[in-house]
Amino acid sequence: MHENSSASSSSYDVNSSPDISSLRKISGAPHLNDRQMMILCMAREGMANKEIAAVLGISLASVKRLIHSLLRKLKARDRTHAVITAIRLSIISIESEIDNDHI
């Protein structure tokens, strides 16, 4: 389905990811743990579940479970809605913090 999907997973460096705690900006927003925040940021970058699993070294089932938890906490219908909701709640920014770190 996504033949170019392997290219985006190689460009995501978990070690250069931003300080997750600095992304949580609004106290009234739902609490997301560090792993959920990382997955939310990867989803914002358009990464598929398989890519996220490979980058984080976890199973596809774990990624699906974490995304389901994100959807529930953010009251979102799907991944895109979760990302948009997180941006609106200022849980994450619209821009990739990773790109900003390399400027």
N, C-alpha and C. Protein backbone atom coordinates (compact mmCIF):
# COMPACT_ATOMS: atom_id res chain seq x y z
N MET A 1 0.81 -1.17 0.00
CA MET A 1 0.00 0.00 0.00
C MET A 1 0.87 1.26 0.00
N HIS A 2 1.84 1.33 0.90
CA HIS A 2 2.75 2.47 0.96
C HIS A 2 4.15 1.99 0.60
N GLU A 3 4.48 2.02 -0.67
CA GLU A 3 5.76 1.50 -1.10
C GLU A 3 6.92 2.35 -0.62
N ASN A 4 6.73 3.64 -0.44
CA ASN A 4 7.79 4.53 0.01
C ASN A 4 7.83 4.66 1.52
N SER A 5 7.08 3.87 2.24
CA SER A 5 6.99 4.02 3.68
C SER A 5 8.30 3.74 4.39
N SER A 6 9.17 2.90 3.84
CA SER A 6 10.43 2.61 4.50
C SER A 6 11.34 3.82 4.52
N ALA A 7 11.19 4.72 3.59
CA ALA A 7 12.04 5.91 3.55
C ALA A 7 11.76 6.81 4.73
N SER A 8 10.51 6.96 5.13
CA SER A 8 10.21 7.86 6.23
C SER A 8 10.64 7.28 7.57
N SER A 9 10.63 5.95 7.73
CA SER A 9 11.05 5.38 9.01
C SER A 9 12.54 5.56 9.23
N SER A 10 13.33 5.55 8.16
CA SER A 10 14.76 5.71 8.33
C SER A 10 15.12 7.15 8.67
N SER A 11 14.23 8.11 8.36
CA SER A 11 14.53 9.50 8.65
C SER A 11 14.12 9.91 10.06
N TYR A 12 13.39 9.07 10.77
CA TYR A 12 12.95 9.39 12.12
C TYR A 12 13.97 8.84 13.11
N ASP A 13 14.63 9.73 13.82
CA ASP A 13 15.64 9.33 14.78
C ASP A 13 15.09 9.51 16.19
N VAL A 14 14.78 8.41 16.86
CA VAL A 14 14.21 8.46 18.20
C VAL A 14 15.16 9.17 19.15
N ASN A 15 16.46 9.00 18.97
CA ASN A 15 17.43 9.62 19.87
C ASN A 15 17.47 11.13 19.75
N SER A 16 17.02 11.68 18.62
CA SER A 16 17.02 13.13 18.47
C SER A 16 15.65 13.72 18.71
N SER A 17 14.71 12.90 19.20
CA SER A 17 13.37 13.40 19.44
C SER A 17 13.40 14.45 20.55
N PRO A 18 12.43 15.36 20.52
CA PRO A 18 12.42 16.44 21.50
C PRO A 18 12.11 15.94 22.90
N ASP A 19 12.37 16.77 23.89
CA ASP A 19 12.00 16.46 25.26
C ASP A 19 10.48 16.35 25.30
N ILE A 20 9.98 15.14 25.50
CA ILE A 20 8.54 14.89 25.43
C ILE A 20 7.78 15.74 26.45
N SER A 21 8.34 15.93 27.63
CA SER A 21 7.63 16.69 28.66
C SER A 21 7.41 18.14 28.23
N SER A 22 8.26 18.68 27.38
CA SER A 22 8.09 20.06 26.94
C SER A 22 6.95 20.21 25.94
N LEU A 23 6.47 19.09 25.38
CA LEU A 23 5.38 19.16 24.41
C LEU A 23 4.02 19.30 25.09
N ARG A 24 3.93 18.93 26.36
CA ARG A 24 2.66 19.01 27.08
C ARG A 24 2.48 20.44 27.57
N LYS A 25 1.61 21.20 26.90
CA LYS A 25 1.52 22.63 27.17
C LYS A 25 0.29 23.04 27.97
N ILE A 26 -0.79 22.31 27.87
CA ILE A 26 -2.03 22.71 28.54
C ILE A 26 -2.34 21.72 29.65
N SER A 27 -2.53 22.25 30.86
CA SER A 27 -2.76 21.37 32.00
C SER A 27 -4.09 20.63 31.90
N GLY A 28 -5.08 21.18 31.19
CA GLY A 28 -6.37 20.53 31.06
C GLY A 28 -6.42 19.45 30.01
N ALA A 29 -5.36 19.30 29.23
CA ALA A 29 -5.32 18.29 28.18
C ALA A 29 -5.16 16.91 28.82
N PRO A 30 -5.63 15.87 28.15
CA PRO A 30 -5.47 14.52 28.70
C PRO A 30 -3.99 14.18 28.87
N HIS A 31 -3.68 13.44 29.92
CA HIS A 31 -2.29 13.04 30.16
C HIS A 31 -1.92 11.90 29.22
N LEU A 32 -0.84 12.08 28.49
CA LEU A 32 -0.30 11.03 27.63
C LEU A 32 1.08 10.68 28.15
N ASN A 33 1.38 9.38 28.22
CA ASN A 33 2.71 8.98 28.67
C ASN A 33 3.73 9.22 27.56
N ASP A 34 4.99 9.06 27.89
CA ASP A 34 6.06 9.35 26.92
C ASP A 34 5.94 8.52 25.65
N ARG A 35 5.61 7.25 25.78
CA ARG A 35 5.49 6.39 24.60
C ARG A 35 4.34 6.84 23.72
N GLN A 36 3.21 7.21 24.34
CA GLN A 36 2.07 7.70 23.57
C GLN A 36 2.42 9.00 22.85
N MET A 37 3.18 9.87 23.52
CA MET A 37 3.60 11.12 22.89
C MET A 37 4.50 10.85 21.68
N MET A 38 5.42 9.90 21.83
CA MET A 38 6.30 9.57 20.70
C MET A 38 5.49 9.05 19.52
N ILE A 39 4.54 8.16 19.80
CA ILE A 39 3.72 7.59 18.74
C ILE A 39 2.86 8.67 18.10
N LEU A 40 2.33 9.59 18.89
CA LEU A 40 1.54 10.68 18.35
C LEU A 40 2.38 11.55 17.42
N CYS A 41 3.61 11.83 17.81
CA CYS A 41 4.51 12.62 16.95
C CYS A 41 4.86 11.86 15.67
N MET A 42 5.05 10.56 15.78
CA MET A 42 5.34 9.76 14.59
C MET A 42 4.13 9.71 13.66
N ALA A 43 2.94 9.63 14.25
CA ALA A 43 1.71 9.64 13.45
C ALA A 43 1.57 11.00 12.75
N ARG A 44 1.93 12.06 13.45
CA ARG A 44 1.89 13.39 12.83
C ARG A 44 2.79 13.45 11.61
N GLU A 45 3.90 12.71 11.66
CA GLU A 45 4.84 12.68 10.53
C GLU A 45 4.39 11.73 9.43
N GLY A 46 3.25 11.05 9.63
CA GLY A 46 2.70 10.18 8.59
C GLY A 46 3.24 8.76 8.61
N MET A 47 3.89 8.37 9.69
CA MET A 47 4.46 7.03 9.76
C MET A 47 3.35 5.99 9.96
N ALA A 48 3.49 4.86 9.29
CA ALA A 48 2.56 3.74 9.42
C ALA A 48 2.87 2.96 10.70
N ASN A 49 1.90 2.18 11.14
CA ASN A 49 2.08 1.37 12.35
C ASN A 49 3.33 0.49 12.27
N LYS A 50 3.55 -0.14 11.12
CA LYS A 50 4.72 -1.01 10.95
C LYS A 50 6.01 -0.23 11.11
N GLU A 51 6.04 0.97 10.58
CA GLU A 51 7.24 1.81 10.70
C GLU A 51 7.49 2.21 12.16
N ILE A 52 6.43 2.59 12.84
CA ILE A 52 6.54 2.97 14.25
C ILE A 52 7.06 1.79 15.05
N ALA A 53 6.50 0.61 14.81
CA ALA A 53 6.94 -0.60 15.52
C ALA A 53 8.42 -0.85 15.28
N ALA A 54 8.87 -0.72 14.05
CA ALA A 54 10.27 -0.97 13.71
C ALA A 54 11.19 0.05 14.38
N VAL A 55 10.82 1.31 14.34
CA VAL A 55 11.66 2.36 14.93
C VAL A 55 11.76 2.19 16.45
N LEU A 56 10.63 1.88 17.09
CA LEU A 56 10.62 1.76 18.55
C LEU A 56 11.03 0.38 19.04
N GLY A 57 11.12 -0.58 18.14
CA GLY A 57 11.50 -1.94 18.53
C GLY A 57 10.43 -2.63 19.35
N ILE A 58 9.16 -2.37 19.01
CA ILE A 58 8.04 -3.01 19.70
C ILE A 58 7.18 -3.72 18.66
N SER A 59 6.27 -4.53 19.14
CA SER A 59 5.42 -5.29 18.22
C SER A 59 4.36 -4.40 17.58
N LEU A 60 3.87 -4.84 16.45
CA LEU A 60 2.78 -4.15 15.77
C LEU A 60 1.55 -4.11 16.67
N ALA A 61 1.30 -5.19 17.40
CA ALA A 61 0.16 -5.23 18.32
C ALA A 61 0.30 -4.17 19.42
N SER A 62 1.53 -3.94 19.89
CA SER A 62 1.75 -2.90 20.91
C SER A 62 1.46 -1.51 20.35
N VAL A 63 1.88 -1.28 19.12
CA VAL A 63 1.61 0.02 18.48
C VAL A 63 0.11 0.21 18.35
N LYS A 64 -0.59 -0.80 17.88
CA LYS A 64 -2.04 -0.71 17.72
C LYS A 64 -2.72 -0.45 19.06
N ARG A 65 -2.26 -1.11 20.11
CA ARG A 65 -2.82 -0.92 21.45
C ARG A 65 -2.59 0.52 21.92
N LEU A 66 -1.38 1.04 21.70
CA LEU A 66 -1.06 2.40 22.12
C LEU A 66 -1.86 3.43 21.32
N ILE A 67 -2.04 3.19 20.04
CA ILE A 67 -2.84 4.11 19.22
C ILE A 67 -4.30 4.07 19.66
N HIS A 68 -4.81 2.89 19.96
CA HIS A 68 -6.18 2.78 20.45
C HIS A 68 -6.34 3.57 21.75
N SER A 69 -5.35 3.50 22.62
CA SER A 69 -5.37 4.25 23.87
C SER A 69 -5.36 5.76 23.61
N LEU A 70 -4.55 6.18 22.63
CA LEU A 70 -4.51 7.59 22.23
C LEU A 70 -5.88 8.05 21.74
N LEU A 71 -6.50 7.25 20.90
CA LEU A 71 -7.81 7.60 20.36
C LEU A 71 -8.83 7.78 21.47
N ARG A 72 -8.78 6.87 22.44
CA ARG A 72 -9.71 6.94 23.57
C ARG A 72 -9.46 8.20 24.40
N LYS A 73 -8.20 8.46 24.74
CA LYS A 73 -7.87 9.62 25.58
C LYS A 73 -8.19 10.94 24.90
N LEU A 74 -7.99 11.00 23.60
CA LEU A 74 -8.23 12.23 22.85
C LEU A 74 -9.64 12.31 22.27
N LYS A 75 -10.43 11.25 22.52
CA LYS A 75 -11.79 11.17 22.00
C LYS A 75 -11.80 11.38 20.48
N ALA A 76 -10.88 10.69 19.83
CA ALA A 76 -10.69 10.84 18.39
C ALA A 76 -11.23 9.63 17.64
N ARG A 77 -11.67 9.86 16.41
CA ARG A 77 -12.21 8.79 15.56
C ARG A 77 -11.12 7.95 14.91
N ASP A 78 -10.00 8.61 14.58
CA ASP A 78 -8.92 7.92 13.89
C ASP A 78 -7.61 8.66 14.16
N ARG A 79 -6.52 8.16 13.57
CA ARG A 79 -5.19 8.75 13.82
C ARG A 79 -5.12 10.22 13.42
N THR A 80 -5.69 10.53 12.26
CA THR A 80 -5.65 11.92 11.80
C THR A 80 -6.39 12.83 12.77
N HIS A 81 -7.56 12.40 13.21
CA HIS A 81 -8.34 13.18 14.17
C HIS A 81 -7.56 13.32 15.48
N ALA A 82 -6.85 12.28 15.89
CA ALA A 82 -6.05 12.35 17.12
C ALA A 82 -4.95 13.40 16.99
N VAL A 83 -4.26 13.42 15.86
CA VAL A 83 -3.20 14.40 15.64
C VAL A 83 -3.77 15.81 15.63
N ILE A 84 -4.87 16.01 14.92
CA ILE A 84 -5.49 17.33 14.86
C ILE A 84 -5.94 17.77 16.25
N THR A 85 -6.56 16.87 17.00
CA THR A 85 -7.01 17.19 18.35
C THR A 85 -5.82 17.55 19.23
N ALA A 86 -4.75 16.80 19.14
CA ALA A 86 -3.55 17.07 19.95
C ALA A 86 -2.94 18.43 19.59
N ILE A 87 -2.97 18.79 18.33
CA ILE A 87 -2.47 20.11 17.91
C ILE A 87 -3.38 21.21 18.47
N ARG A 88 -4.68 21.02 18.35
CA ARG A 88 -5.64 22.02 18.86
C ARG A 88 -5.52 22.20 20.36
N LEU A 89 -5.22 21.11 21.09
CA LEU A 89 -5.06 21.18 22.54
C LEU A 89 -3.65 21.60 22.95
N SER A 90 -2.80 21.87 21.97
CA SER A 90 -1.39 22.24 22.19
C SER A 90 -0.61 21.16 22.93
N ILE A 91 -1.01 19.90 22.72
CA ILE A 91 -0.24 18.78 23.27
C ILE A 91 1.01 18.60 22.43
N ILE A 92 0.86 18.77 21.11
CA ILE A 92 1.99 18.75 20.19
C ILE A 92 1.87 19.97 19.28
N SER A 93 2.96 20.31 18.63
CA SER A 93 2.90 21.42 17.68
C SER A 93 2.62 20.87 16.29
N ILE A 94 2.23 21.76 15.42
CA ILE A 94 1.95 21.36 14.04
C ILE A 94 3.24 21.06 13.30
N GLU A 95 4.33 21.69 13.69
CA GLU A 95 5.62 21.49 13.05
C GLU A 95 6.39 20.39 13.76
N SER A 96 7.22 19.74 13.03
CA SER A 96 8.05 18.69 13.58
C SER A 96 9.15 19.30 14.45
N GLU A 97 9.16 18.94 15.72
CA GLU A 97 10.21 19.42 16.62
C GLU A 97 11.57 18.87 16.21
N ILE A 98 11.55 17.72 15.56
CA ILE A 98 12.79 17.08 15.12
C ILE A 98 13.47 17.95 14.07
N ASP A 99 12.68 18.45 13.11
CA ASP A 99 13.24 19.32 12.08
C ASP A 99 13.82 20.59 12.71
N ASN A 100 13.13 21.14 13.69
CA ASN A 100 13.59 22.36 14.35
C ASN A 100 14.91 22.13 15.08
N ASP A 101 15.12 20.93 15.60
CA ASP A 101 16.36 20.62 16.32
C ASP A 101 17.56 20.63 15.38
N HIS A 102 17.33 20.39 14.09
CA HIS A 102 18.43 20.29 13.15
C HIS A 102 18.67 21.57 12.37
N ILE A 103 17.95 22.63 12.70
CA ILE A 103 18.12 23.91 11.98
C ILE A 103 19.26 24.70 12.59
